[in-house]
Amino acid sequence: MKTKKSILIIEEDLSLKQTLVQVFRSVDYRVVSTGINIKALKLLDEDSYDLVVLDLNKTQDYGLSLFFKIKRDHPQLPVILLSSSLDCGPIPCIEEEQAWMRITKPFEPYFILKTTEEMVSAPMAA
C-alpha cells in the first residue's frame, strides 16, 4: 500500500495557507498547516513530514529562527522557504543552511507544486 507524502505548511497569511493546502491536496498529499508559532515545532516532533513549506515572515524574525530550529532538529528534512522579497536579508547563503529552495511571493501554484513533486518523488524506503 502506498503511503501519501506529507507536507507541513507554516504560513501566517490565511489566504495563501488555504491556497497551498488546496493545491497540495488536489494531487493527494497529506497536508498539515499552522501559523509561524511554537505549534509548528510541536507538529514536527509529533509526526514525520516529507517536506516543510515555511514563510520567512520578513516582518518578524520568528520565521527565520524557526527555519534554523528545523534544520538543527531535523537536518535531513527538506524545506522550501517562501519570501516576499528578492533580498535574502539575514540569510547570507541559503545553500549552506540546507534550504532546498527559496521561492519569492507571489508565485504560481503550478511552480511550487512542480518543485514539490520533484523533491518528494524519490521512491519511499520499504
PDB file of N, CA and C in Angstrom:
ATOM      1  N   MET A   1       0.835  -1.193   0.000  1.00  0.00           N
ATOM      2  CA  MET A   1       0.000   0.000   0.000  1.00  0.00           C
ATOM      3  C   MET A   1       0.873   1.248   0.000  1.00  0.00           C
ATOM      4  N   LYS A   2       0.583   2.175  -0.867  1.00  0.00           N
ATOM      5  CA  LYS A   2       1.353   3.400  -0.980  1.00  0.00           C
ATOM      6  C   LYS A   2       0.903   4.395   0.082  1.00  0.00           C
ATOM      7  N   THR A   3       1.858   4.962   0.790  1.00  0.00           N
ATOM      8  CA  THR A   3       1.562   5.969   1.794  1.00  0.00           C
ATOM      9  C   THR A   3       1.652   7.348   1.162  1.00  0.00           C
ATOM     10  N   LYS A   4       0.712   8.216   1.502  1.00  0.00           N
ATOM     11  CA  LYS A   4       0.744   9.578   0.991  1.00  0.00           C
ATOM     12  C   LYS A   4       1.966  10.302   1.524  1.00  0.00           C
ATOM     13  N   LYS A   5       2.556  11.127   0.686  1.00  0.00           N
ATOM     14  CA  LYS A   5       3.627  12.015   1.124  1.00  0.00           C
ATOM     15  C   LYS A   5       2.991  13.138   1.934  1.00  0.00           C
ATOM     16  N   SER A   6       3.731  13.604   2.940  1.00  0.00           N
ATOM     17  CA  SER A   6       3.152  14.608   3.825  1.00  0.00           C
ATOM     18  C   SER A   6       3.936  15.911   3.797  1.00  0.00           C
ATOM     19  N   ILE A   7       3.195  16.992   3.898  1.00  0.00           N
ATOM     20  CA  ILE A   7       3.766  18.335   3.842  1.00  0.00           C
ATOM     21  C   ILE A   7       3.251  19.130   5.036  1.00  0.00           C
ATOM     22  N   LEU A   8       4.165  19.827   5.688  1.00  0.00           N
ATOM     23  CA  LEU A   8       3.791  20.767   6.744  1.00  0.00           C
ATOM     24  C   LEU A   8       3.941  22.174   6.180  1.00  0.00           C
ATOM     25  N   ILE A   9       2.858  22.916   6.165  1.00  0.00           N
ATOM     26  CA  ILE A   9       2.866  24.302   5.697  1.00  0.00           C
ATOM     27  C   ILE A   9       2.850  25.204   6.915  1.00  0.00           C
ATOM     28  N   ILE A  10       3.844  26.089   6.991  1.00  0.00           N
ATOM     29  CA  ILE A  10       3.942  27.049   8.086  1.00  0.00           C
ATOM     30  C   ILE A  10       3.855  28.432   7.457  1.00  0.00           C
ATOM     31  N   GLU A  11       2.679  29.032   7.550  1.00  0.00           N
ATOM     32  CA  GLU A  11       2.396  30.284   6.839  1.00  0.00           C
ATOM     33  C   GLU A  11       1.414  31.112   7.657  1.00  0.00           C
ATOM     34  N   GLU A  12       1.675  32.416   7.782  1.00  0.00           N
ATOM     35  CA  GLU A  12       0.799  33.322   8.529  1.00  0.00           C
ATOM     36  C   GLU A  12      -0.382  33.820   7.701  1.00  0.00           C
ATOM     37  N   ASP A  13      -0.183  34.041   6.420  1.00  0.00           N
ATOM     38  CA  ASP A  13      -1.231  34.577   5.564  1.00  0.00           C
ATOM     39  C   ASP A  13      -2.284  33.496   5.344  1.00  0.00           C
ATOM     40  N   LEU A  14      -3.456  33.700   5.938  1.00  0.00           N
ATOM     41  CA  LEU A  14      -4.510  32.685   5.904  1.00  0.00           C
ATOM     42  C   LEU A  14      -4.918  32.319   4.480  1.00  0.00           C
ATOM     43  N   SER A  15      -5.064  33.313   3.622  1.00  0.00           N
ATOM     44  CA  SER A  15      -5.468  33.057   2.239  1.00  0.00           C
ATOM     45  C   SER A  15      -4.420  32.217   1.504  1.00  0.00           C
ATOM     46  N   LEU A  16      -3.161  32.570   1.651  1.00  0.00           N
ATOM     47  CA  LEU A  16      -2.098  31.806   0.997  1.00  0.00           C
ATOM     48  C   LEU A  16      -2.003  30.402   1.581  1.00  0.00           C
ATOM     49  N   LYS A  17      -2.149  30.298   2.886  1.00  0.00           N
ATOM     50  CA  LYS A  17      -2.101  28.977   3.526  1.00  0.00           C
ATOM     51  C   LYS A  17      -3.215  28.083   2.987  1.00  0.00           C
ATOM     52  N   GLN A  18      -4.427  28.615   2.891  1.00  0.00           N
ATOM     53  CA  GLN A  18      -5.548  27.833   2.370  1.00  0.00           C
ATOM     54  C   GLN A  18      -5.327  27.437   0.910  1.00  0.00           C
ATOM     55  N   THR A  19      -4.761  28.338   0.130  1.00  0.00           N
ATOM     56  CA  THR A  19      -4.469  28.036  -1.273  1.00  0.00           C
ATOM     57  C   THR A  19      -3.447  26.910  -1.374  1.00  0.00           C
ATOM     58  N   LEU A  20      -2.372  27.001  -0.595  1.00  0.00           N
ATOM     59  CA  LEU A  20      -1.352  25.954  -0.618  1.00  0.00           C
ATOM     60  C   LEU A  20      -1.930  24.603  -0.206  1.00  0.00           C
ATOM     61  N   VAL A  21      -2.761  24.599   0.827  1.00  0.00           N
ATOM     62  CA  VAL A  21      -3.394  23.353   1.271  1.00  0.00           C
ATOM     63  C   VAL A  21      -4.222  22.757   0.137  1.00  0.00           C
ATOM     64  N   GLN A  22      -5.021  23.566  -0.528  1.00  0.00           N
ATOM     65  CA  GLN A  22      -5.849  23.078  -1.640  1.00  0.00           C
ATOM     66  C   GLN A  22      -4.999  22.548  -2.786  1.00  0.00           C
ATOM     67  N   VAL A  23      -3.943  23.275  -3.136  1.00  0.00           N
ATOM     68  CA  VAL A  23      -3.079  22.858  -4.241  1.00  0.00           C
ATOM     69  C   VAL A  23      -2.454  21.497  -3.938  1.00  0.00           C
ATOM     70  N   PHE A  24      -1.900  21.338  -2.757  1.00  0.00           N
ATOM     71  CA  PHE A  24      -1.236  20.081  -2.417  1.00  0.00           C
ATOM     72  C   PHE A  24      -2.230  18.926  -2.254  1.00  0.00           C
ATOM     73  N   ARG A  25      -3.369  19.200  -1.666  1.00  0.00           N
ATOM     74  CA  ARG A  25      -4.366  18.137  -1.510  1.00  0.00           C
ATOM     75  C   ARG A  25      -4.956  17.713  -2.844  1.00  0.00           C
ATOM     76  N   SER A  26      -4.973  18.623  -3.803  1.00  0.00           N
ATOM     77  CA  SER A  26      -5.537  18.285  -5.116  1.00  0.00           C
ATOM     78  C   SER A  26      -4.734  17.193  -5.815  1.00  0.00           C
ATOM     79  N   VAL A  27      -3.492  17.014  -5.421  1.00  0.00           N
ATOM     80  CA  VAL A  27      -2.674  15.943  -6.004  1.00  0.00           C
ATOM     81  C   VAL A  27      -2.348  14.888  -4.946  1.00  0.00           C
ATOM     82  N   ASP A  28      -3.194  14.839  -3.914  1.00  0.00           N
ATOM     83  CA  ASP A  28      -3.206  13.748  -2.945  1.00  0.00           C
ATOM     84  C   ASP A  28      -2.054  13.721  -1.927  1.00  0.00           C
ATOM     85  N   TYR A  29      -1.528  14.903  -1.583  1.00  0.00           N
ATOM     86  CA  TYR A  29      -0.598  14.960  -0.457  1.00  0.00           C
ATOM     87  C   TYR A  29      -1.390  15.025   0.834  1.00  0.00           C
ATOM     88  N   ARG A  30      -0.798  14.494   1.908  1.00  0.00           N
ATOM     89  CA  ARG A  30      -1.342  14.711   3.250  1.00  0.00           C
ATOM     90  C   ARG A  30      -0.767  16.039   3.712  1.00  0.00           C
ATOM     91  N   VAL A  31      -1.635  16.981   4.085  1.00  0.00           N
ATOM     92  CA  VAL A  31      -1.191  18.336   4.399  1.00  0.00           C
ATOM     93  C   VAL A  31      -1.636  18.726   5.803  1.00  0.00           C
ATOM     94  N   VAL A  32      -0.679  19.287   6.544  1.00  0.00           N
ATOM     95  CA  VAL A  32      -0.953  19.878   7.851  1.00  0.00           C
ATOM     96  C   VAL A  32      -0.477  21.319   7.748  1.00  0.00           C
ATOM     97  N   SER A  33      -1.247  22.261   8.311  1.00  0.00           N
ATOM     98  CA  SER A  33      -0.829  23.656   8.234  1.00  0.00           C
ATOM     99  C   SER A  33      -0.963  24.323   9.595  1.00  0.00           C
ATOM    100  N   THR A  34      -0.117  25.315   9.780  1.00  0.00           N
ATOM    101  CA  THR A  34      -0.120  26.095  11.012  1.00  0.00           C
ATOM    102  C   THR A  34       0.476  27.463  10.711  1.00  0.00           C
ATOM    103  N   GLY A  35       0.353  28.359  11.670  1.00  0.00           N
ATOM    104  CA  GLY A  35       1.000  29.659  11.549  1.00  0.00           C
ATOM    105  C   GLY A  35       2.449  29.557  11.996  1.00  0.00           C
ATOM    106  N   ILE A  36       3.129  30.671  11.934  1.00  0.00           N
ATOM    107  CA  ILE A  36       4.531  30.705  12.358  1.00  0.00           C
ATOM    108  C   ILE A  36       4.527  30.890  13.871  1.00  0.00           C
ATOM    109  N   ASN A  37       4.529  29.759  14.576  1.00  0.00           N
ATOM    110  CA  ASN A  37       4.471  29.808  16.026  1.00  0.00           C
ATOM    111  C   ASN A  37       5.081  28.534  16.607  1.00  0.00           C
ATOM    112  N   ILE A  38       5.065  28.434  17.898  1.00  0.00           N
ATOM    113  CA  ILE A  38       5.672  27.304  18.597  1.00  0.00           C
ATOM    114  C   ILE A  38       4.972  25.988  18.249  1.00  0.00           C
ATOM    115  N   LYS A  39       3.705  26.060  17.823  1.00  0.00           N
ATOM    116  CA  LYS A  39       2.968  24.857  17.439  1.00  0.00           C
ATOM    117  C   LYS A  39       3.646  24.131  16.275  1.00  0.00           C
ATOM    118  N   ALA A  40       4.312  24.880  15.404  1.00  0.00           N
ATOM    119  CA  ALA A  40       4.996  24.268  14.264  1.00  0.00           C
ATOM    120  C   ALA A  40       6.056  23.282  14.733  1.00  0.00           C
ATOM    121  N   LEU A  41       6.826  23.652  15.743  1.00  0.00           N
ATOM    122  CA  LEU A  41       7.858  22.748  16.270  1.00  0.00           C
ATOM    123  C   LEU A  41       7.228  21.520  16.907  1.00  0.00           C
ATOM    124  N   LYS A  42       6.116  21.722  17.592  1.00  0.00           N
ATOM    125  CA  LYS A  42       5.420  20.599  18.217  1.00  0.00           C
ATOM    126  C   LYS A  42       4.916  19.618  17.151  1.00  0.00           C
ATOM    127  N   LEU A  43       4.362  20.148  16.061  1.00  0.00           N
ATOM    128  CA  LEU A  43       3.890  19.292  14.971  1.00  0.00           C
ATOM    129  C   LEU A  43       5.041  18.486  14.371  1.00  0.00           C
ATOM    130  N   LEU A  44       6.202  19.105  14.236  1.00  0.00           N
ATOM    131  CA  LEU A  44       7.377  18.401  13.698  1.00  0.00           C
ATOM    132  C   LEU A  44       7.851  17.291  14.623  1.00  0.00           C
ATOM    133  N   ASP A  45       7.708  17.499  15.917  1.00  0.00           N
ATOM    134  CA  ASP A  45       8.135  16.491  16.887  1.00  0.00           C
ATOM    135  C   ASP A  45       7.140  15.339  16.997  1.00  0.00           C
ATOM    136  N   GLU A  46       5.869  15.609  16.703  1.00  0.00           N
ATOM    137  CA  GLU A  46       4.824  14.601  16.869  1.00  0.00           C
ATOM    138  C   GLU A  46       4.606  13.725  15.644  1.00  0.00           C
ATOM    139  N   ASP A  47       5.058  14.171  14.485  1.00  0.00           N
ATOM    140  CA  ASP A  47       4.782  13.438  13.254  1.00  0.00           C
ATOM    141  C   ASP A  47       5.968  13.613  12.305  1.00  0.00           C
ATOM    142  N   SER A  48       6.024  12.778  11.285  1.00  0.00           N
ATOM    143  CA  SER A  48       7.092  12.933  10.304  1.00  0.00           C
ATOM    144  C   SER A  48       6.507  13.527   9.026  1.00  0.00           C
ATOM    145  N   TYR A  49       7.313  14.353   8.376  1.00  0.00           N
ATOM    146  CA  TYR A  49       6.895  15.021   7.148  1.00  0.00           C
ATOM    147  C   TYR A  49       7.957  14.799   6.085  1.00  0.00           C
ATOM    148  N   ASP A  50       7.532  14.833   4.840  1.00  0.00           N
ATOM    149  CA  ASP A  50       8.450  14.706   3.727  1.00  0.00           C
ATOM    150  C   ASP A  50       8.988  16.058   3.272  1.00  0.00           C
ATOM    151  N   LEU A  51       8.300  17.126   3.677  1.00  0.00           N
ATOM    152  CA  LEU A  51       8.668  18.467   3.244  1.00  0.00           C
ATOM    153  C   LEU A  51       8.034  19.498   4.162  1.00  0.00           C
ATOM    154  N   VAL A  52       8.737  20.610   4.371  1.00  0.00           N
ATOM    155  CA  VAL A  52       8.177  21.763   5.065  1.00  0.00           C
ATOM    156  C   VAL A  52       8.185  22.933   4.095  1.00  0.00           C
ATOM    157  N   VAL A  53       7.068  23.651   4.027  1.00  0.00           N
ATOM    158  CA  VAL A  53       6.978  24.905   3.287  1.00  0.00           C
ATOM    159  C   VAL A  53       6.828  25.987   4.354  1.00  0.00           C
ATOM    160  N   LEU A  54       7.836  26.853   4.448  1.00  0.00           N
ATOM    161  CA  LEU A  54       7.921  27.823   5.547  1.00  0.00           C
ATOM    162  C   LEU A  54       7.990  29.247   5.030  1.00  0.00           C
ATOM    163  N   ASP A  55       7.088  30.083   5.515  1.00  0.00           N
ATOM    164  CA  ASP A  55       7.116  31.509   5.217  1.00  0.00           C
ATOM    165  C   ASP A  55       8.181  32.153   6.097  1.00  0.00           C
ATOM    166  N   LEU A  56       9.091  32.897   5.493  1.00  0.00           N
ATOM    167  CA  LEU A  56      10.125  33.569   6.277  1.00  0.00           C
ATOM    168  C   LEU A  56       9.566  34.716   7.099  1.00  0.00           C
ATOM    169  N   ASN A  57       8.397  35.235   6.737  1.00  0.00           N
ATOM    170  CA  ASN A  57       7.752  36.273   7.515  1.00  0.00           C
ATOM    171  C   ASN A  57       8.732  37.396   7.826  1.00  0.00           C
ATOM    172  N   LYS A  58       9.073  38.144   6.797  1.00  0.00           N
ATOM    173  CA  LYS A  58      10.103  39.168   6.884  1.00  0.00           C
ATOM    174  C   LYS A  58       9.818  40.233   7.939  1.00  0.00           C
ATOM    175  N   THR A  59       8.572  40.440   8.325  1.00  0.00           N
ATOM    176  CA  THR A  59       8.273  41.454   9.329  1.00  0.00           C
ATOM    177  C   THR A  59       8.656  40.996  10.735  1.00  0.00           C
ATOM    178  N   GLN A  60       8.868  39.711  10.918  1.00  0.00           N
ATOM    179  CA  GLN A  60       9.278  39.173  12.212  1.00  0.00           C
ATOM    180  C   GLN A  60      10.465  38.265  11.981  1.00  0.00           C
ATOM    181  N   ASP A  61      11.304  38.139  12.967  1.00  0.00           N
ATOM    182  CA  ASP A  61      12.446  37.244  12.838  1.00  0.00           C
ATOM    183  C   ASP A  61      12.075  35.805  13.160  1.00  0.00           C
ATOM    184  N   TYR A  62      10.833  35.548  13.555  1.00  0.00           N
ATOM    185  CA  TYR A  62      10.485  34.210  14.000  1.00  0.00           C
ATOM    186  C   TYR A  62      10.522  33.179  12.870  1.00  0.00           C
ATOM    187  N   GLY A  63      10.164  33.570  11.672  1.00  0.00           N
ATOM    188  CA  GLY A  63      10.220  32.630  10.553  1.00  0.00           C
ATOM    189  C   GLY A  63      11.634  32.141  10.318  1.00  0.00           C
ATOM    190  N   LEU A  64      12.584  33.053  10.346  1.00  0.00           N
ATOM    191  CA  LEU A  64      13.982  32.684  10.160  1.00  0.00           C
ATOM    192  C   LEU A  64      14.487  31.854  11.340  1.00  0.00           C
ATOM    193  N   SER A  65      14.121  32.251  12.537  1.00  0.00           N
ATOM    194  CA  SER A  65      14.508  31.497  13.733  1.00  0.00           C
ATOM    195  C   SER A  65      13.943  30.084  13.679  1.00  0.00           C
ATOM    196  N   LEU A  66      12.705  29.964  13.246  1.00  0.00           N
ATOM    197  CA  LEU A  66      12.062  28.659  13.115  1.00  0.00           C
ATOM    198  C   LEU A  66      12.794  27.798  12.091  1.00  0.00           C
ATOM    199  N   PHE A  67      13.200  28.401  10.980  1.00  0.00           N
ATOM    200  CA  PHE A  67      13.963  27.675   9.972  1.00  0.00           C
ATOM    201  C   PHE A  67      15.228  27.067  10.576  1.00  0.00           C
ATOM    202  N   PHE A  68      15.979  27.852  11.325  1.00  0.00           N
ATOM    203  CA  PHE A  68      17.217  27.354  11.920  1.00  0.00           C
ATOM    204  C   PHE A  68      16.948  26.241  12.938  1.00  0.00           C
ATOM    205  N   LYS A  69      15.852  26.344  13.676  1.00  0.00           N
ATOM    206  CA  LYS A  69      15.491  25.278  14.627  1.00  0.00           C
ATOM    207  C   LYS A  69      15.115  23.992  13.878  1.00  0.00           C
ATOM    208  N   ILE A  70      14.399  24.125  12.787  1.00  0.00           N
ATOM    209  CA  ILE A  70      14.028  22.950  11.992  1.00  0.00           C
ATOM    210  C   ILE A  70      15.284  22.274  11.466  1.00  0.00           C
ATOM    211  N   LYS A  71      16.206  23.045  10.910  1.00  0.00           N
ATOM    212  CA  LYS A  71      17.425  22.465  10.352  1.00  0.00           C
ATOM    213  C   LYS A  71      18.318  21.861  11.438  1.00  0.00           C
ATOM    214  N   ARG A  72      18.276  22.410  12.637  1.00  0.00           N
ATOM    215  CA  ARG A  72      19.051  21.846  13.745  1.00  0.00           C
ATOM    216  C   ARG A  72      18.439  20.520  14.210  1.00  0.00           C
ATOM    217  N   ASP A  73      17.124  20.494  14.384  1.00  0.00           N
ATOM    218  CA  ASP A  73      16.445  19.321  14.939  1.00  0.00           C
ATOM    219  C   ASP A  73      16.094  18.269  13.893  1.00  0.00           C
ATOM    220  N   HIS A  74      15.965  18.655  12.645  1.00  0.00           N
ATOM    221  CA  HIS A  74      15.575  17.750  11.557  1.00  0.00           C
ATOM    222  C   HIS A  74      16.452  18.049  10.334  1.00  0.00           C
ATOM    223  N   PRO A  75      17.745  17.792  10.436  1.00  0.00           N
ATOM    224  CA  PRO A  75      18.675  18.235   9.388  1.00  0.00           C
ATOM    225  C   PRO A  75      18.424  17.646   8.003  1.00  0.00           C
ATOM    226  N   GLN A  76      17.788  16.503   7.904  1.00  0.00           N
ATOM    227  CA  GLN A  76      17.546  15.882   6.590  1.00  0.00           C
ATOM    228  C   GLN A  76      16.219  16.300   5.968  1.00  0.00           C
ATOM    229  N   LEU A  77      15.407  17.016   6.708  1.00  0.00           N
ATOM    230  CA  LEU A  77      14.082  17.410   6.229  1.00  0.00           C
ATOM    231  C   LEU A  77      14.193  18.562   5.226  1.00  0.00           C
ATOM    232  N   PRO A  78      13.718  18.364   3.996  1.00  0.00           N
ATOM    233  CA  PRO A  78      13.782  19.458   3.022  1.00  0.00           C
ATOM    234  C   PRO A  78      12.815  20.579   3.383  1.00  0.00           C
ATOM    235  N   VAL A  79      13.269  21.807   3.169  1.00  0.00           N
ATOM    236  CA  VAL A  79      12.476  22.988   3.481  1.00  0.00           C
ATOM    237  C   VAL A  79      12.462  23.902   2.265  1.00  0.00           C
ATOM    238  N   ILE A  80      11.258  24.336   1.881  1.00  0.00           N
ATOM    239  CA  ILE A  80      11.111  25.386   0.880  1.00  0.00           C
ATOM    240  C   ILE A  80      10.769  26.656   1.657  1.00  0.00           C
ATOM    241  N   LEU A  81      11.551  27.697   1.431  1.00  0.00           N
ATOM    242  CA  LEU A  81      11.310  28.971   2.095  1.00  0.00           C
ATOM    243  C   LEU A  81      10.516  29.885   1.174  1.00  0.00           C
ATOM    244  N   LEU A  82       9.451  30.475   1.703  1.00  0.00           N
ATOM    245  CA  LEU A  82       8.671  31.461   0.966  1.00  0.00           C
ATOM    246  C   LEU A  82       9.078  32.838   1.465  1.00  0.00           C
ATOM    247  N   SER A  83       9.320  33.739   0.548  1.00  0.00           N
ATOM    248  CA  SER A  83       9.771  35.075   0.917  1.00  0.00           C
ATOM    249  C   SER A  83       9.008  36.106   0.112  1.00  0.00           C
ATOM    250  N   SER A  84       8.756  37.244   0.707  1.00  0.00           N
ATOM    251  CA  SER A  84       8.048  38.300  -0.008  1.00  0.00           C
ATOM    252  C   SER A  84       9.015  39.252  -0.703  1.00  0.00           C
ATOM    253  N   SER A  85      10.309  38.929  -0.664  1.00  0.00           N
ATOM    254  CA  SER A  85      11.310  39.816  -1.227  1.00  0.00           C
ATOM    255  C   SER A  85      12.413  39.022  -1.909  1.00  0.00           C
ATOM    256  N   LEU A  86      13.017  39.620  -2.923  1.00  0.00           N
ATOM    257  CA  LEU A  86      14.172  39.003  -3.568  1.00  0.00           C
ATOM    258  C   LEU A  86      15.416  39.129  -2.698  1.00  0.00           C
ATOM    259  N   ASP A  87      15.387  40.081  -1.770  1.00  0.00           N
ATOM    260  CA  ASP A  87      16.518  40.309  -0.878  1.00  0.00           C
ATOM    261  C   ASP A  87      16.607  39.176   0.140  1.00  0.00           C
ATOM    262  N   CYS A  88      17.765  38.545   0.220  1.00  0.00           N
ATOM    263  CA  CYS A  88      17.957  37.438   1.158  1.00  0.00           C
ATOM    264  C   CYS A  88      18.016  37.917   2.598  1.00  0.00           C
ATOM    265  N   GLY A  89      18.243  39.207   2.803  1.00  0.00           N
ATOM    266  CA  GLY A  89      18.283  39.738   4.160  1.00  0.00           C
ATOM    267  C   GLY A  89      19.284  39.024   5.030  1.00  0.00           C
ATOM    268  N   PRO A  90      18.820  38.490   6.137  1.00  0.00           N
ATOM    269  CA  PRO A  90      19.743  37.900   7.111  1.00  0.00           C
ATOM    270  C   PRO A  90      20.264  36.514   6.743  1.00  0.00           C
ATOM    271  N   ILE A  91      19.896  35.996   5.573  1.00  0.00           N
ATOM    272  CA  ILE A  91      20.384  34.679   5.179  1.00  0.00           C
ATOM    273  C   ILE A  91      21.456  34.871   4.108  1.00  0.00           C
ATOM    274  N   PRO A  92      22.727  34.925   4.493  1.00  0.00           N
ATOM    275  CA  PRO A  92      23.772  35.216   3.521  1.00  0.00           C
ATOM    276  C   PRO A  92      23.958  34.133   2.470  1.00  0.00           C
ATOM    277  N   CYS A  93      23.797  32.891   2.836  1.00  0.00           N
ATOM    278  CA  CYS A  93      23.996  31.816   1.863  1.00  0.00           C
ATOM    279  C   CYS A  93      23.031  30.682   2.175  1.00  0.00           C
ATOM    280  N   ILE A  94      21.873  30.728   1.576  1.00  0.00           N
ATOM    281  CA  ILE A  94      20.814  29.770   1.875  1.00  0.00           C
ATOM    282  C   ILE A  94      21.243  28.333   1.586  1.00  0.00           C
ATOM    283  N   GLU A  95      22.111  28.138   0.595  1.00  0.00           N
ATOM    284  CA  GLU A  95      22.566  26.796   0.275  1.00  0.00           C
ATOM    285  C   GLU A  95      23.320  26.173   1.443  1.00  0.00           C
ATOM    286  N   GLU A  96      24.130  26.971   2.131  1.00  0.00           N
ATOM    287  CA  GLU A  96      24.877  26.461   3.274  1.00  0.00           C
ATOM    288  C   GLU A  96      23.950  26.087   4.432  1.00  0.00           C
ATOM    289  N   GLU A  97      22.797  26.682   4.472  1.00  0.00           N
ATOM    290  CA  GLU A  97      21.844  26.398   5.549  1.00  0.00           C
ATOM    291  C   GLU A  97      20.915  25.247   5.189  1.00  0.00           C
ATOM    292  N   GLN A  98      21.079  24.650   4.043  1.00  0.00           N
ATOM    293  CA  GLN A  98      20.362  23.465   3.610  1.00  0.00           C
ATOM    294  C   GLN A  98      18.880  23.687   3.343  1.00  0.00           C
ATOM    295  N   ALA A  99      18.515  24.879   2.940  1.00  0.00           N
ATOM    296  CA  ALA A  99      17.153  25.059   2.444  1.00  0.00           C
ATOM    297  C   ALA A  99      17.164  24.535   1.017  1.00  0.00           C
ATOM    298  N   TRP A 100      16.143  23.840   0.637  1.00  0.00           N
ATOM    299  CA  TRP A 100      16.141  23.271  -0.698  1.00  0.00           C
ATOM    300  C   TRP A 100      15.921  24.345  -1.746  1.00  0.00           C
ATOM    301  N   MET A 101      15.042  25.298  -1.423  1.00  0.00           N
ATOM    302  CA  MET A 101      14.750  26.347  -2.381  1.00  0.00           C
ATOM    303  C   MET A 101      14.110  27.517  -1.662  1.00  0.00           C
ATOM    304  N   ARG A 102      14.320  28.703  -2.219  1.00  0.00           N
ATOM    305  CA  ARG A 102      13.658  29.901  -1.733  1.00  0.00           C
ATOM    306  C   ARG A 102      12.788  30.415  -2.869  1.00  0.00           C
ATOM    307  N   ILE A 103      11.496  30.553  -2.606  1.00  0.00           N
ATOM    308  CA  ILE A 103      10.538  30.987  -3.622  1.00  0.00           C
ATOM    309  C   ILE A 103       9.997  32.352  -3.213  1.00  0.00           C
ATOM    310  N   THR A 104      10.052  33.287  -4.152  1.00  0.00           N
ATOM    311  CA  THR A 104       9.582  34.638  -3.874  1.00  0.00           C
ATOM    312  C   THR A 104       8.093  34.757  -4.199  1.00  0.00           C
ATOM    313  N   LYS A 105       7.357  35.363  -3.275  1.00  0.00           N
ATOM    314  CA  LYS A 105       5.937  35.620  -3.477  1.00  0.00           C
ATOM    315  C   LYS A 105       5.788  36.847  -4.365  1.00  0.00           C
ATOM    316  N   PRO A 106       4.771  36.944  -5.163  1.00  0.00           N
ATOM    317  CA  PRO A 106       3.799  35.890  -5.456  1.00  0.00           C
ATOM    318  C   PRO A 106       4.392  34.867  -6.420  1.00  0.00           C
ATOM    319  N   PHE A 107       3.863  33.684  -6.384  1.00  0.00           N
ATOM    320  CA  PHE A 107       4.326  32.619  -7.260  1.00  0.00           C
ATOM    321  C   PHE A 107       3.125  31.886  -7.816  1.00  0.00           C
ATOM    322  N   GLU A 108       3.344  31.196  -8.891  1.00  0.00           N
ATOM    323  CA  GLU A 108       2.288  30.391  -9.497  1.00  0.00           C
ATOM    324  C   GLU A 108       2.150  29.083  -8.717  1.00  0.00           C
ATOM    325  N   PRO A 109       0.944  28.677  -8.356  1.00  0.00           N
ATOM    326  CA  PRO A 109       0.764  27.403  -7.650  1.00  0.00           C
ATOM    327  C   PRO A 109       1.401  26.233  -8.398  1.00  0.00           C
ATOM    328  N   TYR A 110       1.348  26.266  -9.739  1.00  0.00           N
ATOM    329  CA  TYR A 110       1.943  25.187 -10.513  1.00  0.00           C
ATOM    330  C   TYR A 110       3.439  25.072 -10.231  1.00  0.00           C
ATOM    331  N   PHE A 111       4.105  26.206 -10.081  1.00  0.00           N
ATOM    332  CA  PHE A 111       5.547  26.198  -9.855  1.00  0.00           C
ATOM    333  C   PHE A 111       5.897  25.520  -8.526  1.00  0.00           C
ATOM    334  N   ILE A 112       5.196  25.871  -7.452  1.00  0.00           N
ATOM    335  CA  ILE A 112       5.517  25.252  -6.159  1.00  0.00           C
ATOM    336  C   ILE A 112       5.116  23.772  -6.171  1.00  0.00           C
ATOM    337  N   LEU A 113       4.055  23.442  -6.878  1.00  0.00           N
ATOM    338  CA  LEU A 113       3.646  22.042  -6.972  1.00  0.00           C
ATOM    339  C   LEU A 113       4.685  21.226  -7.743  1.00  0.00           C
ATOM    340  N   LYS A 114       5.162  21.748  -8.849  1.00  0.00           N
ATOM    341  CA  LYS A 114       6.180  21.062  -9.645  1.00  0.00           C
ATOM    342  C   LYS A 114       7.462  20.888  -8.825  1.00  0.00           C
ATOM    343  N   THR A 115       7.859  21.923  -8.104  1.00  0.00           N
ATOM    344  CA  THR A 115       9.052  21.854  -7.257  1.00  0.00           C
ATOM    345  C   THR A 115       8.882  20.797  -6.182  1.00  0.00           C
ATOM    346  N   THR A 116       7.728  20.772  -5.567  1.00  0.00           N
ATOM    347  CA  THR A 116       7.446  19.791  -4.522  1.00  0.00           C
ATOM    348  C   THR A 116       7.454  18.377  -5.080  1.00  0.00           C
ATOM    349  N   GLU A 117       6.826  18.194  -6.222  1.00  0.00           N
ATOM    350  CA  GLU A 117       6.792  16.868  -6.858  1.00  0.00           C
ATOM    351  C   GLU A 117       8.209  16.344  -7.071  1.00  0.00           C
ATOM    352  N   GLU A 118       9.103  17.211  -7.538  1.00  0.00           N
ATOM    353  CA  GLU A 118      10.492  16.804  -7.760  1.00  0.00           C
ATOM    354  C   GLU A 118      11.170  16.404  -6.457  1.00  0.00           C
ATOM    355  N   MET A 119      10.855  17.114  -5.384  1.00  0.00           N
ATOM    356  CA  MET A 119      11.515  16.861  -4.105  1.00  0.00           C
ATOM    357  C   MET A 119      11.057  15.563  -3.446  1.00  0.00           C
ATOM    358  N   VAL A 120       9.794  15.262  -3.555  1.00  0.00           N
ATOM    359  CA  VAL A 120       9.258  14.124  -2.817  1.00  0.00           C
ATOM    360  C   VAL A 120       8.963  12.910  -3.701  1.00  0.00           C
ATOM    361  N   SER A 121       9.392  12.955  -4.950  1.00  0.00           N
ATOM    362  CA  SER A 121       9.084  11.840  -5.847  1.00  0.00           C
ATOM    363  C   SER A 121      10.050  10.671  -5.738  1.00  0.00           C
ATOM    364  N   ALA A 122      11.086  10.810  -4.941  1.00  0.00           N
ATOM    365  CA  ALA A 122      12.024   9.692  -4.759  1.00  0.00           C
ATOM    366  C   ALA A 122      11.271   8.504  -4.178  1.00  0.00           C
ATOM    367  N   PRO A 123      11.633   7.288  -4.566  1.00  0.00           N
ATOM    368  CA  PRO A 123      10.956   6.099  -4.035  1.00  0.00           C
ATOM    369  C   PRO A 123      11.059   6.037  -2.513  1.00  0.00           C
ATOM    370  N   MET A 124       9.977   5.633  -1.893  1.00  0.00           N
ATOM    371  CA  MET A 124       9.967   5.502  -0.440  1.00  0.00           C
ATOM    372  C   MET A 124      10.696   4.250  -0.021  1.00  0.00           C
ATOM    373  N   ALA A 125      11.354   4.322   1.136  1.00  0.00           N
ATOM    374  CA  ALA A 125      12.053   3.154   1.686  1.00  0.00           C
ATOM    375  C   ALA A 125      11.033   2.117   2.114  1.00  0.00           C
ATOM    376  N   ALA A 126      11.384   0.866   1.946  1.00  0.00           N
ATOM    377  CA  ALA A 126      10.458  -0.216   2.311  1.00  0.00           C
ATOM    378  C   ALA A 126      10.394  -0.416   3.805  1.00  0.00           C
TER     379      ALA A 126
END
